[in-house]
Amino acid sequence: MLHVADIHAYYGQSHVLQGVSLDVGKGEVVSLLGRNGSGKTTTLLTIMGYLSPAPGSITYDGVEIGGLPPYRISRMGLGFVPQERGIFPSLTVLENLTVAARRGQRGEWTLERVLG
C-alpha cells in the first residue's frame, strides 16, 4: 500500500531526513520510534505532502504521491494527526476518527477499513 523509498527532506538548507525507506502493507500498523529530533514527525510530514521529498519516492497503492499537496493525499485515504494534541482534544481517538470519517473516492472510512 505505502512505499517510501530513500526520501530526503530539508528545512531551508538543513538536510533533516537522509535516505528514509519503509513499506506498510494493507492492514499493518507501524510505529516510528526514536529520540527527539530523529525525524519521526518530519517523515510523516513528508509522506503527507507538507514537505517535498528531494530526492526520493513515495507511492500509495502504486500511485506516486511525493510532491502532491496534502489535500490530494488525504483524498486518497491517508491521514495524519499531529502529536501532542488531538483534532478535538476532549474526544477519544476513536471519536476523532469517527468525526474525520467521510466519503471520498475510495468510499466510506470505517474502523474495519482503517485497521482492516
C-alpha atoms as a PDB file:
ATOM      1  CA  MET A   1       0.000   0.000   0.000  1.00  0.00           C
ATOM      2  CA  LEU A   2       2.507   2.638   1.150  1.00  0.00           C
ATOM      3  CA  HIS A   3       6.061   2.512  -0.181  1.00  0.00           C
ATOM      4  CA  VAL A   4       8.616   5.125   0.871  1.00  0.00           C
ATOM      5  CA  ALA A   5      11.993   4.859  -0.871  1.00  0.00           C
ATOM      6  CA  ASP A   6      15.117   6.822   0.037  1.00  0.00           C
ATOM      7  CA  ILE A   7      13.363  10.094   0.903  1.00  0.00           C
ATOM      8  CA  HIS A   8      15.350  13.153   1.875  1.00  0.00           C
ATOM      9  CA  ALA A   9      13.847  16.379   3.206  1.00  0.00           C
ATOM     10  CA  TYR A  10      15.143  19.821   4.057  1.00  0.00           C
ATOM     11  CA  TYR A  11      14.182  22.678   6.347  1.00  0.00           C
ATOM     12  CA  GLY A  12      15.806  25.530   4.456  1.00  0.00           C
ATOM     13  CA  GLN A  13      19.426  24.463   3.936  1.00  0.00           C
ATOM     14  CA  SER A  14      19.315  21.874   6.751  1.00  0.00           C
ATOM     15  CA  HIS A  15      19.243  18.287   5.465  1.00  0.00           C
ATOM     16  CA  VAL A  16      16.904  16.779   8.087  1.00  0.00           C
ATOM     17  CA  LEU A  17      15.861  13.438   6.526  1.00  0.00           C
ATOM     18  CA  GLN A  18      18.536  11.342   4.902  1.00  0.00           C
ATOM     19  CA  GLY A  19      17.526   8.238   2.987  1.00  0.00           C
ATOM     20  CA  VAL A  20      14.435   7.069   4.890  1.00  0.00           C
ATOM     21  CA  SER A  21      12.692   3.998   3.435  1.00  0.00           C
ATOM     22  CA  LEU A  22       9.742   1.964   4.694  1.00  0.00           C
ATOM     23  CA  ASP A  23       6.896  -0.198   3.485  1.00  0.00           C
ATOM     24  CA  VAL A  24       3.456  -0.511   5.047  1.00  0.00           C
ATOM     25  CA  GLY A  25       1.185  -3.262   3.770  1.00  0.00           C
ATOM     26  CA  LYS A  26      -2.595  -3.477   3.900  1.00  0.00           C
ATOM     27  CA  GLY A  27      -3.785  -3.980   7.484  1.00  0.00           C
ATOM     28  CA  GLU A  28      -0.362  -3.330   9.010  1.00  0.00           C
ATOM     29  CA  VAL A  29       0.133  -0.957  11.915  1.00  0.00           C
ATOM     30  CA  VAL A  30       3.593   0.619  12.024  1.00  0.00           C
ATOM     31  CA  SER A  31       5.216   2.744  14.726  1.00  0.00           C
ATOM     32  CA  LEU A  32       8.068   5.165  14.211  1.00  0.00           C
ATOM     33  CA  LEU A  33      10.275   5.189  17.286  1.00  0.00           C
ATOM     34  CA  GLY A  34      13.242   7.408  18.040  1.00  0.00           C
ATOM     35  CA  ARG A  35      14.701  10.156  20.154  1.00  0.00           C
ATOM     36  CA  ASN A  36      13.605  13.778  19.940  1.00  0.00           C
ATOM     37  CA  GLY A  37      14.798  15.266  16.679  1.00  0.00           C
ATOM     38  CA  SER A  38      15.382  11.925  14.964  1.00  0.00           C
ATOM     39  CA  GLY A  39      12.922  12.654  12.131  1.00  0.00           C
ATOM     40  CA  LYS A  40       9.699  10.831  13.075  1.00  0.00           C
ATOM     41  CA  THR A  41       7.400  13.813  12.582  1.00  0.00           C
ATOM     42  CA  THR A  42       9.374  15.056   9.583  1.00  0.00           C
ATOM     43  CA  THR A  43       8.959  11.642   7.937  1.00  0.00           C
ATOM     44  CA  LEU A  44       5.180  11.799   8.421  1.00  0.00           C
ATOM     45  CA  LEU A  45       5.002  15.423   7.247  1.00  0.00           C
ATOM     46  CA  THR A  46       6.906  14.434   4.105  1.00  0.00           C
ATOM     47  CA  ILE A  47       4.633  11.451   3.429  1.00  0.00           C
ATOM     48  CA  MET A  48       1.564  13.678   3.877  1.00  0.00           C
ATOM     49  CA  GLY A  49       2.843  16.339   1.458  1.00  0.00           C
ATOM     50  CA  TYR A  50       3.682  19.127   3.903  1.00  0.00           C
ATOM     51  CA  LEU A  51       7.339  18.774   2.868  1.00  0.00           C
ATOM     52  CA  SER A  52       8.504  17.686  -0.583  1.00  0.00           C
ATOM     53  CA  PRO A  53      10.860  14.713  -0.787  1.00  0.00           C
ATOM     54  CA  ALA A  54      14.023  15.694  -2.646  1.00  0.00           C
ATOM     55  CA  PRO A  55      15.076  13.154  -3.809  1.00  0.00           C
ATOM     56  CA  GLY A  56      13.041  10.070  -3.035  1.00  0.00           C
ATOM     57  CA  SER A  57       9.799   8.375  -3.926  1.00  0.00           C
ATOM     58  CA  ILE A  58       6.535   7.927  -2.047  1.00  0.00           C
ATOM     59  CA  THR A  59       3.829   5.737  -3.561  1.00  0.00           C
ATOM     60  CA  TYR A  60       0.406   4.813  -2.219  1.00  0.00           C
ATOM     61  CA  ASP A  61      -1.472   1.980  -3.918  1.00  0.00           C
ATOM     62  CA  GLY A  62       1.015   2.211  -6.777  1.00  0.00           C
ATOM     63  CA  VAL A  63       0.449   5.950  -7.350  1.00  0.00           C
ATOM     64  CA  GLU A  64       3.328   8.391  -6.853  1.00  0.00           C
ATOM     65  CA  ILE A  65       2.245  10.906  -4.189  1.00  0.00           C
ATOM     66  CA  GLY A  66       5.584  12.587  -3.452  1.00  0.00           C
ATOM     67  CA  GLY A  67       5.137  16.289  -4.122  1.00  0.00           C
ATOM     68  CA  LEU A  68       1.315  16.228  -4.166  1.00  0.00           C
ATOM     69  CA  PRO A  69      -0.454  18.755  -1.926  1.00  0.00           C
ATOM     70  CA  PRO A  70      -1.747  17.407   1.416  1.00  0.00           C
ATOM     71  CA  TYR A  71      -5.436  17.720   0.468  1.00  0.00           C
ATOM     72  CA  ARG A  72      -4.935  15.396  -2.538  1.00  0.00           C
ATOM     73  CA  ILE A  73      -3.077  12.842  -0.429  1.00  0.00           C
ATOM     74  CA  SER A  74      -5.856  12.980   2.172  1.00  0.00           C
ATOM     75  CA  ARG A  75      -8.487  12.377  -0.513  1.00  0.00           C
ATOM     76  CA  MET A  76      -6.619   9.206  -1.466  1.00  0.00           C
ATOM     77  CA  GLY A  77      -7.144   7.843   2.032  1.00  0.00           C
ATOM     78  CA  LEU A  78      -4.066   8.824   4.045  1.00  0.00           C
ATOM     79  CA  GLY A  79      -4.407  10.874   7.212  1.00  0.00           C
ATOM     80  CA  PHE A  80      -2.224  12.499   9.843  1.00  0.00           C
ATOM     81  CA  VAL A  81      -2.997  13.609  13.399  1.00  0.00           C
ATOM     82  CA  PRO A  82      -0.295  15.866  14.863  1.00  0.00           C
ATOM     83  CA  GLN A  83       1.397  14.727  18.069  1.00  0.00           C
ATOM     84  CA  GLU A  84       0.583  16.258  21.453  1.00  0.00           C
ATOM     85  CA  ARG A  85      -2.917  17.290  20.504  1.00  0.00           C
ATOM     86  CA  GLY A  86      -5.966  15.703  19.015  1.00  0.00           C
ATOM     87  CA  ILE A  87      -8.126  17.340  16.427  1.00  0.00           C
ATOM     88  CA  PHE A  88     -10.734  17.568  19.198  1.00  0.00           C
ATOM     89  CA  PRO A  89      -8.778  17.114  22.452  1.00  0.00           C
ATOM     90  CA  SER A  90     -11.840  16.212  24.545  1.00  0.00           C
ATOM     91  CA  LEU A  91     -12.696  13.251  22.268  1.00  0.00           C
ATOM     92  CA  THR A  92     -11.145   9.782  22.286  1.00  0.00           C
ATOM     93  CA  VAL A  93      -9.010   8.573  19.387  1.00  0.00           C
ATOM     94  CA  LEU A  94     -11.957   6.536  18.073  1.00  0.00           C
ATOM     95  CA  GLU A  95     -14.276   9.553  18.332  1.00  0.00           C
ATOM     96  CA  ASN A  96     -11.738  11.731  16.470  1.00  0.00           C
ATOM     97  CA  LEU A  97     -11.519   9.096  13.720  1.00  0.00           C
ATOM     98  CA  THR A  98     -15.311   8.905  13.536  1.00  0.00           C
ATOM     99  CA  VAL A  99     -15.597  12.689  13.170  1.00  0.00           C
ATOM    100  CA  ALA A 100     -12.985  12.608  10.395  1.00  0.00           C
ATOM    101  CA  ALA A 101     -14.714   9.753   8.567  1.00  0.00           C
ATOM    102  CA  ARG A 102     -16.105  10.868   5.253  1.00  0.00           C
ATOM    103  CA  ARG A 103     -16.934   9.548   1.849  1.00  0.00           C
ATOM    104  CA  GLY A 104     -14.362  10.110  -0.836  1.00  0.00           C
ATOM    105  CA  GLN A 105     -13.089   8.498  -3.994  1.00  0.00           C
ATOM    106  CA  ARG A 106     -12.225   5.346  -2.047  1.00  0.00           C
ATOM    107  CA  GLY A 107     -15.548   5.015  -0.224  1.00  0.00           C
ATOM    108  CA  GLU A 108     -16.518   5.450   3.396  1.00  0.00           C
ATOM    109  CA  TRP A 109     -13.803   5.329   6.066  1.00  0.00           C
ATOM    110  CA  THR A 110     -14.671   2.757   8.707  1.00  0.00           C
ATOM    111  CA  LEU A 111     -12.675   1.366  11.613  1.00  0.00           C
ATOM    112  CA  GLU A 112     -12.613  -2.005   9.868  1.00  0.00           C
ATOM    113  CA  ARG A 113     -11.280  -0.423   6.675  1.00  0.00           C
ATOM    114  CA  VAL A 114      -8.619   1.592   8.502  1.00  0.00           C
ATOM    115  CA  LEU A 115      -7.363  -1.353  10.547  1.00  0.00           C
ATOM    116  CA  GLY A 116      -8.536  -3.954   8.062  1.00  0.00           C
END
